[in-house]
Amino acid sequence: MNFFKRLFKIGEAEANAAIDNMEDPIKMTEQGIRDMKNDLEKSIEALAQVKAMAIRTKNDTEEAAAKADDYQQKAMLILKKAHNGTLDTAEADRLAKEALIKKEAAAQQVESRKQETEKYERTVSQLEKNVHDIKQNISRWENELKTLKARVKVASATKNVSKQMAAIDSASTVAMLERMKEKVQQEEAIAEAYGDIANASQSIDSQLDEAINATETSAEEELSALKKQLGLDS
């Protein structure tokens, strides 16, 4: 049972730590930068793909235009041969017509490829702008992260110094004074104890002498008083 309680406490502590990490602005900024870098990588990949399609479409356009010119030239050559008598007129007309039909199909392909190329180029332009904006944002956030880390260091150092100063001005000073006061009281108590010991160690003889001297003094006083009463004091 205790094992499961401990396990629950560990899980609870880790969950609280995870929440704290989520709320940590530095960690959040770092994660945001990582996300933007992932977006940048995807945007660059998409840009490369669209650029490749634009290049391919442009090549197809040029190829279709070349075909249209080629069919135009063939139709003209066939008609010249018919005019020179080297080719039957009806056959020349039929072949020239077929060449012109292919020329028209190639011309339509040119127009279609041109429209596709323009569309891809607009997409390329937009993606390039996105890549540029993401790069700028990454640079800005990285600079802000450096500033934030520096501010955290300064704030932490300031907090530690202030904490130490507060401890010195309050708890440490009061504790030191209390210790000094306690030490003085202890020394005074020890001195008083030694005095009591010294009094207790006084010899019995000195006590007897003190008592005798006190008795003799009292007798002398009584004798003087009696002589005075009898008028014998002179």
Protein backbone atom coordinates (compact mmCIF):
# COMPACT_ATOMS: atom_id res chain seq x y z
CA MET A 1 0.00 0.00 0.00
CA ASN A 2 2.80 2.37 0.93
CA PHE A 3 4.49 1.53 -2.36
CA PHE A 4 1.42 2.67 -4.34
CA LYS A 5 1.18 5.83 -2.25
CA ARG A 6 4.81 6.64 -3.01
CA LEU A 7 4.26 5.87 -6.69
CA PHE A 8 1.25 8.19 -6.76
CA LYS A 9 3.25 10.96 -5.08
CA ILE A 10 6.05 10.55 -7.62
CA GLY A 11 3.55 10.76 -10.50
CA GLU A 12 1.93 13.81 -8.94
CA ALA A 13 5.31 15.52 -8.53
CA GLU A 14 6.23 14.78 -12.15
CA ALA A 15 2.87 16.14 -13.32
CA ASN A 16 3.40 19.35 -11.34
CA ALA A 17 6.92 19.64 -12.75
CA ALA A 18 5.51 19.20 -16.25
CA ILE A 19 2.98 21.98 -15.64
CA ASP A 20 5.75 24.23 -14.30
CA ASN A 21 7.84 23.50 -17.40
CA MET A 22 4.89 24.35 -19.64
CA GLU A 23 4.52 27.65 -17.87
CA ASP A 24 8.24 28.40 -18.02
CA PRO A 25 8.57 31.24 -20.57
CA ILE A 26 12.07 30.15 -21.58
CA LYS A 27 10.97 26.59 -22.33
CA MET A 28 7.87 27.87 -24.12
CA THR A 29 9.99 30.20 -26.26
CA GLU A 30 12.44 27.41 -27.08
CA GLN A 31 9.56 25.16 -28.11
CA GLY A 32 8.10 27.96 -30.23
CA ILE A 33 11.43 28.36 -32.01
CA ARG A 34 11.60 24.61 -32.64
CA ASP A 35 8.08 24.72 -34.10
CA MET A 36 8.98 27.62 -36.36
CA LYS A 37 12.08 25.81 -37.56
CA ASN A 38 9.92 22.80 -38.43
CA ASP A 39 7.58 25.13 -40.33
CA LEU A 40 10.57 26.65 -42.08
CA GLU A 41 11.82 23.22 -43.14
CA LYS A 42 8.39 22.30 -44.52
CA SER A 43 8.06 25.65 -46.32
CA ILE A 44 11.48 25.27 -47.91
CA GLU A 45 10.59 21.76 -49.05
CA ALA A 46 7.30 22.98 -50.53
CA LEU A 47 9.10 25.89 -52.19
CA ALA A 48 11.62 23.54 -53.79
CA GLN A 49 8.84 21.30 -55.10
CA VAL A 50 6.83 24.17 -56.57
CA LYS A 51 9.94 25.69 -58.09
CA ALA A 52 10.73 22.34 -59.70
CA MET A 53 7.20 22.21 -61.14
CA ALA A 54 7.52 25.78 -62.42
CA ILE A 55 10.85 24.96 -64.09
CA ARG A 56 9.42 21.82 -65.62
CA THR A 57 6.33 23.64 -66.90
CA LYS A 58 8.49 26.40 -68.36
CA ASN A 59 10.59 23.80 -70.16
CA ASP A 60 7.42 22.17 -71.48
CA THR A 61 6.24 25.58 -72.71
CA GLU A 62 9.47 26.17 -74.58
CA GLU A 63 9.33 22.67 -76.02
CA ALA A 64 5.72 23.14 -77.18
CA ALA A 65 6.60 26.50 -78.73
CA ALA A 66 9.48 24.86 -80.59
CA LYS A 67 7.11 22.18 -81.87
CA ALA A 68 4.62 24.79 -83.07
CA ASP A 69 7.38 26.56 -84.99
CA ASP A 70 8.57 23.24 -86.40
CA TYR A 71 5.09 22.33 -87.67
CA GLN A 72 4.74 25.81 -89.16
CA GLN A 73 8.00 25.40 -91.02
CA LYS A 74 7.01 21.93 -92.26
CA ALA A 75 3.67 23.20 -93.58
CA MET A 76 5.45 26.01 -95.43
CA LEU A 77 8.05 23.62 -96.87
CA ILE A 78 5.38 21.22 -98.12
CA LEU A 79 3.45 24.03 -99.79
CA LYS A 80 6.64 25.23 -101.51
CA LYS A 81 7.30 21.75 -102.84
CA ALA A 82 3.79 21.60 -104.23
CA HIS A 83 4.30 24.99 -105.82
CA ASN A 84 7.59 23.79 -107.36
CA GLY A 85 5.88 20.68 -108.68
CA THR A 86 7.96 18.27 -106.65
CA LEU A 87 4.92 17.21 -104.59
CA ASP A 88 1.33 16.51 -105.56
CA THR A 89 -0.84 19.50 -104.75
CA ALA A 90 -3.64 17.52 -103.08
CA GLU A 91 -1.16 15.53 -101.02
CA ALA A 92 0.69 18.71 -100.12
CA ASP A 93 -2.52 20.35 -98.99
CA ARG A 94 -3.39 17.33 -96.85
CA LEU A 95 0.04 17.19 -95.22
CA ALA A 96 0.21 20.94 -94.73
CA LYS A 97 -3.22 20.84 -93.10
CA GLU A 98 -2.09 18.07 -90.70
CA ALA A 99 1.01 20.08 -89.85
CA LEU A 100 -1.08 23.15 -89.11
CA ILE A 101 -3.42 21.09 -86.90
CA LYS A 102 -0.43 19.85 -84.89
CA LYS A 103 0.89 23.39 -84.82
CA GLU A 104 -2.40 24.60 -83.33
CA ALA A 105 -2.35 21.83 -80.71
CA ALA A 106 1.22 22.77 -79.78
CA ALA A 107 0.22 26.46 -79.61
CA GLN A 108 -2.66 25.59 -77.26
CA GLN A 109 -0.25 23.59 -75.16
CA VAL A 110 2.03 26.64 -75.04
CA GLU A 111 -0.81 28.80 -73.70
CA SER A 112 -1.80 26.15 -71.16
CA ARG A 113 1.78 25.73 -69.96
CA LYS A 114 2.20 29.51 -69.75
CA GLN A 115 -0.83 29.76 -67.46
CA GLU A 116 0.50 26.92 -65.30
CA THR A 117 3.92 28.54 -65.17
CA GLU A 118 2.41 31.86 -64.05
CA LYS A 119 0.39 30.05 -61.37
CA TYR A 120 3.45 28.23 -60.10
CA GLU A 121 5.49 31.43 -60.14
CA ARG A 122 2.85 33.18 -58.02
CA THR A 123 2.94 30.25 -55.59
CA VAL A 124 6.75 30.39 -55.54
CA SER A 125 6.60 34.10 -54.76
CA GLN A 126 4.19 33.50 -51.87
CA LEU A 127 6.25 30.62 -50.48
CA GLU A 128 9.44 32.69 -50.70
CA LYS A 129 7.69 35.40 -48.71
CA ASN A 130 6.59 32.81 -46.13
CA VAL A 131 10.14 31.46 -45.85
CA HIS A 132 11.49 34.99 -45.43
CA ASP A 133 8.91 35.81 -42.74
CA ILE A 134 9.58 32.58 -40.83
CA LYS A 135 13.34 33.24 -40.93
CA GLN A 136 12.79 36.75 -39.60
CA ASN A 137 10.52 35.45 -36.84
CA ILE A 138 13.05 32.80 -35.86
CA SER A 139 15.81 35.40 -35.70
CA ARG A 140 13.63 37.75 -33.66
CA TRP A 141 12.55 35.02 -31.24
CA GLU A 142 16.12 33.78 -30.82
CA ASN A 143 17.23 37.32 -29.93
CA GLU A 144 14.33 37.65 -27.51
CA LEU A 145 15.25 34.29 -25.99
CA LYS A 146 18.81 35.50 -25.38
CA THR A 147 17.44 38.66 -23.76
CA LEU A 148 15.00 36.64 -21.68
CA LYS A 149 17.75 34.28 -20.46
CA ALA A 150 19.91 37.27 -19.53
CA ARG A 151 17.01 38.86 -17.64
CA VAL A 152 16.38 35.61 -15.79
CA LYS A 153 20.04 35.44 -14.74
CA VAL A 154 19.99 39.04 -13.53
CA ALA A 155 16.69 38.54 -11.71
CA SER A 156 17.95 35.34 -10.09
CA ALA A 157 21.19 36.99 -8.98
CA THR A 158 19.30 40.01 -7.65
CA LYS A 159 16.87 37.76 -5.80
CA ASN A 160 19.70 35.77 -4.21
CA VAL A 161 21.53 38.93 -3.12
CA SER A 162 18.34 40.45 -1.74
CA LYS A 163 17.54 37.21 0.04
CA GLN A 164 21.00 37.12 1.60
CA MET A 165 20.76 40.77 2.64
CA ALA A 166 17.34 40.18 4.15
CA ALA A 167 18.68 37.19 6.05
CA ILE A 168 21.64 39.20 7.34
CA ASP A 169 19.49 42.17 8.38
CA SER A 170 16.89 40.11 10.18
CA ALA A 171 17.29 36.49 11.12
CA SER A 172 21.09 36.30 11.23
CA THR A 173 21.57 39.50 13.22
CA VAL A 174 18.83 38.70 15.74
CA ALA A 175 20.10 35.16 16.16
CA MET A 176 23.65 36.42 16.74
CA LEU A 177 22.46 38.91 19.40
CA GLU A 178 20.40 36.25 21.11
CA ARG A 179 23.42 33.94 21.21
CA MET A 180 25.57 36.72 22.70
CA LYS A 181 22.90 37.51 25.31
CA GLU A 182 22.57 33.85 26.21
CA LYS A 183 26.36 33.54 26.55
CA VAL A 184 26.56 36.57 28.89
CA GLN A 185 23.75 35.18 31.03
CA GLN A 186 25.50 31.84 31.17
CA GLU A 187 28.78 33.51 32.28
CA GLU A 188 26.94 35.48 34.98
CA ALA A 189 25.27 32.33 36.24
CA ILE A 190 28.60 30.51 36.37
CA ALA A 191 30.19 33.40 38.34
CA GLU A 192 27.31 33.35 40.84
CA ALA A 193 27.65 29.59 41.19
CA TYR A 194 31.35 29.90 41.96
CA GLY A 195 30.53 32.52 44.62
CA ASP A 196 28.07 30.18 46.26
CA ILE A 197 30.66 27.40 46.22
CA ALA A 198 33.26 29.71 47.81
CA ASN A 199 30.85 30.66 50.61
CA ALA A 200 29.97 27.04 51.20
CA SER A 201 33.66 26.12 51.39
CA GLN A 202 34.34 28.55 54.29
CA SER A 203 36.05 26.73 57.25
CA ILE A 204 34.23 26.03 60.48
CA ASP A 205 37.02 27.82 62.40
CA SER A 206 36.38 31.09 60.65
CA GLN A 207 32.70 30.67 61.42
CA LEU A 208 33.48 30.10 65.15
CA ASP A 209 35.81 33.12 65.29
CA GLU A 210 33.17 35.23 63.69
CA ALA A 211 30.59 34.05 66.21
CA ILE A 212 32.97 34.63 69.20
CA ASN A 213 33.93 38.09 68.08
CA ALA A 214 30.30 38.94 67.75
CA THR A 215 29.63 37.68 71.37
CA GLU A 216 32.57 39.60 72.90
CA THR A 217 31.49 42.78 71.25
CA SER A 218 28.01 42.34 72.70
CA ALA A 219 29.42 41.74 76.27
CA GLU A 220 31.62 44.84 76.13
CA GLU A 221 28.63 46.93 75.15
CA GLU A 222 26.55 45.52 78.02
CA LEU A 223 29.44 46.19 80.56
CA SER A 224 29.77 49.77 79.45
CA ALA A 225 26.03 50.27 79.73
CA LEU A 226 26.00 48.82 83.28
CA LYS A 227 28.87 51.07 84.44
CA LYS A 228 27.06 54.06 83.09
CA GLN A 229 23.93 53.02 84.97
CA LEU A 230 25.90 52.73 88.27
CA GLY A 231 27.72 55.98 87.69
CA LEU A 232 31.01 54.23 87.46
CA ASP A 233 31.74 55.09 83.86
CA SER A 234 34.01 58.01 84.88
